Amino acid sequence: MARKIYTDQEINELVLELKPLSVDWRSVFPIRKTDVNITQIVDCIGSNKHRFQLQLRQNTSNPLNFCVTLGFFPESSNELFRLRRYDGKYHEHSNPIEKVRRFYNFHIHIATERYQQFGTKEEDKYAIVTDRYSNYEGALKCLFEDCNFQIPQDPQLNLV
């Protein structure tokens, strides 16, 4: 079966759907540590009953190497569709449709209809440079703000 192509409007509606987190969301979902990364997977159900997942990763030796991702699981699917991804300043990126060649900075990946149709199976390939954050904690805060998370008082944003 062909993978559904989401319109930019559908993507925006998913991003803006209210996503409540429990007060103890940090302790409920286990943190995994390896020699290289600290990771955490956080699941939540949105106000419209969509299944969302946060994938949090921070490199243990390079503080600029991190990735904070929001995805959702389409109905009757276990394949994550990445809506937003907030990356650190540890690799080069380019936007092939726009012919933007290599930039190296903090950037936010955004799922778009155009990149789904482009055929790379990277719905969130398009990215924009940002100065809204300069570390993992800032990226997570931006994702929470941009993607309509309802977070408890005094959230613990650090993985480390």
C-alpha atoms as a PDB file:
ATOM      1  CA  MET A   1       0.000   0.000   0.000  1.00  0.00           C
ATOM      2  CA  ALA A   2       1.300   3.463  -0.918  1.00  0.00           C
ATOM      3  CA  ARG A   3       2.164   5.783   1.909  1.00  0.00           C
ATOM      4  CA  LYS A   4      -0.334   8.620   2.394  1.00  0.00           C
ATOM      5  CA  ILE A   5       0.890  12.082   1.418  1.00  0.00           C
ATOM      6  CA  TYR A   6      -0.107  14.662   4.007  1.00  0.00           C
ATOM      7  CA  THR A   7      -0.946  18.178   2.895  1.00  0.00           C
ATOM      8  CA  ASP A   8       0.776  21.119   4.528  1.00  0.00           C
ATOM      9  CA  GLN A   9      -2.569  21.952   6.179  1.00  0.00           C
ATOM     10  CA  GLU A  10      -2.891  18.433   7.630  1.00  0.00           C
ATOM     11  CA  ILE A  11       0.702  18.627   8.899  1.00  0.00           C
ATOM     12  CA  ASN A  12       0.026  21.992  10.509  1.00  0.00           C
ATOM     13  CA  GLU A  13      -3.127  20.651  12.203  1.00  0.00           C
ATOM     14  CA  LEU A  14      -1.117  17.766  13.670  1.00  0.00           C
ATOM     15  CA  VAL A  15       1.613  20.131  14.861  1.00  0.00           C
ATOM     16  CA  LEU A  16      -0.973  22.403  16.528  1.00  0.00           C
ATOM     17  CA  GLU A  17      -2.985  19.590  18.141  1.00  0.00           C
ATOM     18  CA  LEU A  18      -2.764  19.907  21.925  1.00  0.00           C
ATOM     19  CA  LYS A  19      -0.309  17.367  23.344  1.00  0.00           C
ATOM     20  CA  PRO A  20      -0.576  17.000  27.127  1.00  0.00           C
ATOM     21  CA  LEU A  21       2.286  15.503  29.108  1.00  0.00           C
ATOM     22  CA  SER A  22       1.908  14.103  32.613  1.00  0.00           C
ATOM     23  CA  VAL A  23       3.694  15.773  35.508  1.00  0.00           C
ATOM     24  CA  ASP A  24       6.033  12.786  35.766  1.00  0.00           C
ATOM     25  CA  TRP A  25       6.640  12.356  32.030  1.00  0.00           C
ATOM     26  CA  ARG A  26      10.415  12.373  32.552  1.00  0.00           C
ATOM     27  CA  SER A  27      10.444   9.511  35.022  1.00  0.00           C
ATOM     28  CA  VAL A  28       7.735   7.411  33.340  1.00  0.00           C
ATOM     29  CA  PHE A  29       9.672   6.993  30.100  1.00  0.00           C
ATOM     30  CA  PRO A  30      13.099   5.374  30.562  1.00  0.00           C
ATOM     31  CA  ILE A  31      16.333   7.111  29.632  1.00  0.00           C
ATOM     32  CA  ARG A  32      18.829   4.928  27.782  1.00  0.00           C
ATOM     33  CA  LYS A  33      22.536   5.659  28.024  1.00  0.00           C
ATOM     34  CA  THR A  34      25.280   4.308  25.812  1.00  0.00           C
ATOM     35  CA  ASP A  35      28.892   5.333  25.398  1.00  0.00           C
ATOM     36  CA  VAL A  36      27.761   7.662  22.625  1.00  0.00           C
ATOM     37  CA  ASN A  37      24.236   8.948  23.315  1.00  0.00           C
ATOM     38  CA  ILE A  38      21.564   9.512  25.899  1.00  0.00           C
ATOM     39  CA  THR A  39      18.118   8.861  24.437  1.00  0.00           C
ATOM     40  CA  GLN A  40      14.528   8.924  25.560  1.00  0.00           C
ATOM     41  CA  ILE A  41      11.298   8.030  23.759  1.00  0.00           C
ATOM     42  CA  VAL A  42       8.154   9.760  25.052  1.00  0.00           C
ATOM     43  CA  ASP A  43       4.697   8.764  23.830  1.00  0.00           C
ATOM     44  CA  CYS A  44       1.565  10.868  24.192  1.00  0.00           C
ATOM     45  CA  ILE A  45      -1.981  11.020  22.900  1.00  0.00           C
ATOM     46  CA  GLY A  46      -3.124  14.349  21.484  1.00  0.00           C
ATOM     47  CA  SER A  47      -6.453  16.031  22.129  1.00  0.00           C
ATOM     48  CA  ASN A  48      -7.762  14.608  18.814  1.00  0.00           C
ATOM     49  CA  LYS A  49      -6.555  11.105  19.777  1.00  0.00           C
ATOM     50  CA  HIS A  50      -3.524  11.035  17.446  1.00  0.00           C
ATOM     51  CA  ARG A  51      -0.541   9.021  18.725  1.00  0.00           C
ATOM     52  CA  PHE A  52       2.541  11.232  18.993  1.00  0.00           C
ATOM     53  CA  GLN A  53       6.100  10.368  19.904  1.00  0.00           C
ATOM     54  CA  LEU A  54       9.017  12.495  21.023  1.00  0.00           C
ATOM     55  CA  GLN A  55      12.447  11.086  20.232  1.00  0.00           C
ATOM     56  CA  LEU A  56      15.126  12.824  22.273  1.00  0.00           C
ATOM     57  CA  ARG A  57      18.833  12.253  21.665  1.00  0.00           C
ATOM     58  CA  GLN A  58      21.914  13.978  23.021  1.00  0.00           C
ATOM     59  CA  ASN A  59      25.516  12.999  22.375  1.00  0.00           C
ATOM     60  CA  THR A  60      27.496  12.391  25.556  1.00  0.00           C
ATOM     61  CA  SER A  61      30.722  14.018  24.347  1.00  0.00           C
ATOM     62  CA  ASN A  62      29.582  16.764  21.955  1.00  0.00           C
ATOM     63  CA  PRO A  63      26.900  19.117  23.349  1.00  0.00           C
ATOM     64  CA  LEU A  64      26.162  20.459  19.838  1.00  0.00           C
ATOM     65  CA  ASN A  65      25.223  16.979  18.615  1.00  0.00           C
ATOM     66  CA  PHE A  66      21.561  16.508  19.528  1.00  0.00           C
ATOM     67  CA  CYS A  67      18.216  15.866  17.920  1.00  0.00           C
ATOM     68  CA  VAL A  68      14.738  16.543  19.300  1.00  0.00           C
ATOM     69  CA  THR A  69      12.056  15.012  17.064  1.00  0.00           C
ATOM     70  CA  LEU A  70       8.252  15.025  17.073  1.00  0.00           C
ATOM     71  CA  GLY A  71       6.487  12.410  15.021  1.00  0.00           C
ATOM     72  CA  PHE A  72       3.084  10.813  14.891  1.00  0.00           C
ATOM     73  CA  PHE A  73       1.795   7.383  13.965  1.00  0.00           C
ATOM     74  CA  PRO A  74      -0.839   7.445  11.222  1.00  0.00           C
ATOM     75  CA  GLU A  75      -3.919   5.376  12.034  1.00  0.00           C
ATOM     76  CA  SER A  76      -3.264   1.631  11.702  1.00  0.00           C
ATOM     77  CA  SER A  77       0.474   2.183  11.231  1.00  0.00           C
ATOM     78  CA  ASN A  78       3.621   1.721  13.268  1.00  0.00           C
ATOM     79  CA  GLU A  79       5.686   3.850  10.872  1.00  0.00           C
ATOM     80  CA  LEU A  80       6.562   7.195  12.457  1.00  0.00           C
ATOM     81  CA  PHE A  81       5.876  10.286  10.347  1.00  0.00           C
ATOM     82  CA  ARG A  82       8.310  13.014  11.453  1.00  0.00           C
ATOM     83  CA  LEU A  83       6.550  16.381  11.791  1.00  0.00           C
ATOM     84  CA  ARG A  84       9.404  18.469  13.240  1.00  0.00           C
ATOM     85  CA  ARG A  85      13.047  17.872  14.075  1.00  0.00           C
ATOM     86  CA  TYR A  86      15.252  20.320  15.978  1.00  0.00           C
ATOM     87  CA  ASP A  87      18.896  19.552  15.242  1.00  0.00           C
ATOM     88  CA  GLY A  88      22.140  20.702  16.723  1.00  0.00           C
ATOM     89  CA  LYS A  89      25.064  22.264  14.940  1.00  0.00           C
ATOM     90  CA  TYR A  90      27.023  19.110  14.231  1.00  0.00           C
ATOM     91  CA  HIS A  91      26.440  18.341  10.566  1.00  0.00           C
ATOM     92  CA  GLU A  92      25.903  20.043   7.237  1.00  0.00           C
ATOM     93  CA  HIS A  93      22.445  20.236   5.732  1.00  0.00           C
ATOM     94  CA  SER A  94      21.053  21.144   2.312  1.00  0.00           C
ATOM     95  CA  ASN A  95      17.558  21.605   0.870  1.00  0.00           C
ATOM     96  CA  PRO A  96      17.666  19.931  -2.567  1.00  0.00           C
ATOM     97  CA  ILE A  97      14.342  21.234  -3.947  1.00  0.00           C
ATOM     98  CA  GLU A  98      15.280  24.840  -3.170  1.00  0.00           C
ATOM     99  CA  LYS A  99      18.854  24.165  -4.322  1.00  0.00           C
ATOM    100  CA  VAL A 100      20.161  25.479  -1.002  1.00  0.00           C
ATOM    101  CA  ARG A 101      23.655  24.073  -0.762  1.00  0.00           C
ATOM    102  CA  ARG A 102      25.101  23.121   2.579  1.00  0.00           C
ATOM    103  CA  PHE A 103      24.585  25.172   5.657  1.00  0.00           C
ATOM    104  CA  TYR A 104      26.059  24.344   9.007  1.00  0.00           C
ATOM    105  CA  ASN A 105      24.086  25.735  11.893  1.00  0.00           C
ATOM    106  CA  PHE A 106      21.284  24.940  14.315  1.00  0.00           C
ATOM    107  CA  HIS A 107      18.269  24.102  12.195  1.00  0.00           C
ATOM    108  CA  ILE A 108      14.659  22.975  12.317  1.00  0.00           C
ATOM    109  CA  HIS A 109      13.365  20.294   9.944  1.00  0.00           C
ATOM    110  CA  ILE A 110       9.762  20.708   8.844  1.00  0.00           C
ATOM    111  CA  ALA A 111       7.591  18.066   7.188  1.00  0.00           C
ATOM    112  CA  THR A 112       6.172  19.339   3.923  1.00  0.00           C
ATOM    113  CA  GLU A 113       3.932  18.036   1.180  1.00  0.00           C
ATOM    114  CA  ARG A 114       6.588  18.967  -1.396  1.00  0.00           C
ATOM    115  CA  TYR A 115       9.297  16.816   0.168  1.00  0.00           C
ATOM    116  CA  GLN A 116       6.943  13.842   0.482  1.00  0.00           C
ATOM    117  CA  GLN A 117       6.269  14.131  -3.246  1.00  0.00           C
ATOM    118  CA  PHE A 118      10.001  14.583  -3.931  1.00  0.00           C
ATOM    119  CA  GLY A 119      10.356  10.880  -3.261  1.00  0.00           C
ATOM    120  CA  THR A 120      13.262  10.643  -0.830  1.00  0.00           C
ATOM    121  CA  LYS A 121      11.038   9.224   1.956  1.00  0.00           C
ATOM    122  CA  GLU A 122      12.238  12.110   4.105  1.00  0.00           C
ATOM    123  CA  GLU A 123       9.071  14.065   4.777  1.00  0.00           C
ATOM    124  CA  ASP A 124      11.047  16.434   7.018  1.00  0.00           C
ATOM    125  CA  LYS A 125      14.045  16.959   4.709  1.00  0.00           C
ATOM    126  CA  TYR A 126      13.339  20.696   4.386  1.00  0.00           C
ATOM    127  CA  ALA A 127      15.084  22.690   7.126  1.00  0.00           C
ATOM    128  CA  ILE A 128      15.514  26.294   8.156  1.00  0.00           C
ATOM    129  CA  VAL A 129      18.409  27.816  10.074  1.00  0.00           C
ATOM    130  CA  THR A 130      17.465  29.131  13.492  1.00  0.00           C
ATOM    131  CA  ASP A 131      18.967  31.240  16.240  1.00  0.00           C
ATOM    132  CA  ARG A 132      16.103  30.427  18.638  1.00  0.00           C
ATOM    133  CA  TYR A 133      18.207  27.846  20.463  1.00  0.00           C
ATOM    134  CA  SER A 134      21.869  27.040  20.956  1.00  0.00           C
ATOM    135  CA  ASN A 135      21.676  23.836  22.997  1.00  0.00           C
ATOM    136  CA  TYR A 136      19.590  20.742  23.654  1.00  0.00           C
ATOM    137  CA  GLU A 137      17.449  22.330  26.375  1.00  0.00           C
ATOM    138  CA  GLY A 138      16.630  25.302  24.148  1.00  0.00           C
ATOM    139  CA  ALA A 139      15.693  23.020  21.241  1.00  0.00           C
ATOM    140  CA  LEU A 140      13.330  21.022  23.446  1.00  0.00           C
ATOM    141  CA  LYS A 141      11.743  24.231  24.736  1.00  0.00           C
ATOM    142  CA  CYS A 142      11.225  25.460  21.141  1.00  0.00           C
ATOM    143  CA  LEU A 143       9.644  22.152  20.142  1.00  0.00           C
ATOM    144  CA  PHE A 144       7.281  22.304  23.128  1.00  0.00           C
ATOM    145  CA  GLU A 145       6.281  25.876  22.202  1.00  0.00           C
ATOM    146  CA  ASP A 146       5.985  25.311  18.446  1.00  0.00           C
ATOM    147  CA  CYS A 147       4.123  22.001  18.657  1.00  0.00           C
ATOM    148  CA  ASN A 148       1.514  22.867  21.291  1.00  0.00           C
ATOM    149  CA  PHE A 149       2.672  20.705  24.166  1.00  0.00           C
ATOM    150  CA  GLN A 150       0.915  21.199  27.455  1.00  0.00           C
ATOM    151  CA  ILE A 151       3.754  20.760  29.917  1.00  0.00           C
ATOM    152  CA  PRO A 152       3.683  20.541  33.712  1.00  0.00           C
ATOM    153  CA  GLN A 153       5.092  23.229  36.015  1.00  0.00           C
ATOM    154  CA  ASP A 154       8.897  23.238  36.284  1.00  0.00           C
ATOM    155  CA  PRO A 155       9.661  20.768  33.474  1.00  0.00           C
ATOM    156  CA  GLN A 156      13.023  19.037  33.688  1.00  0.00           C
ATOM    157  CA  LEU A 157      14.397  19.568  30.219  1.00  0.00           C
ATOM    158  CA  ASN A 158      17.867  18.071  30.637  1.00  0.00           C
ATOM    159  CA  LEU A 159      18.546  14.517  29.548  1.00  0.00           C
ATOM    160  CA  VAL A 160      21.927  14.629  31.239  1.00  0.00           C
END
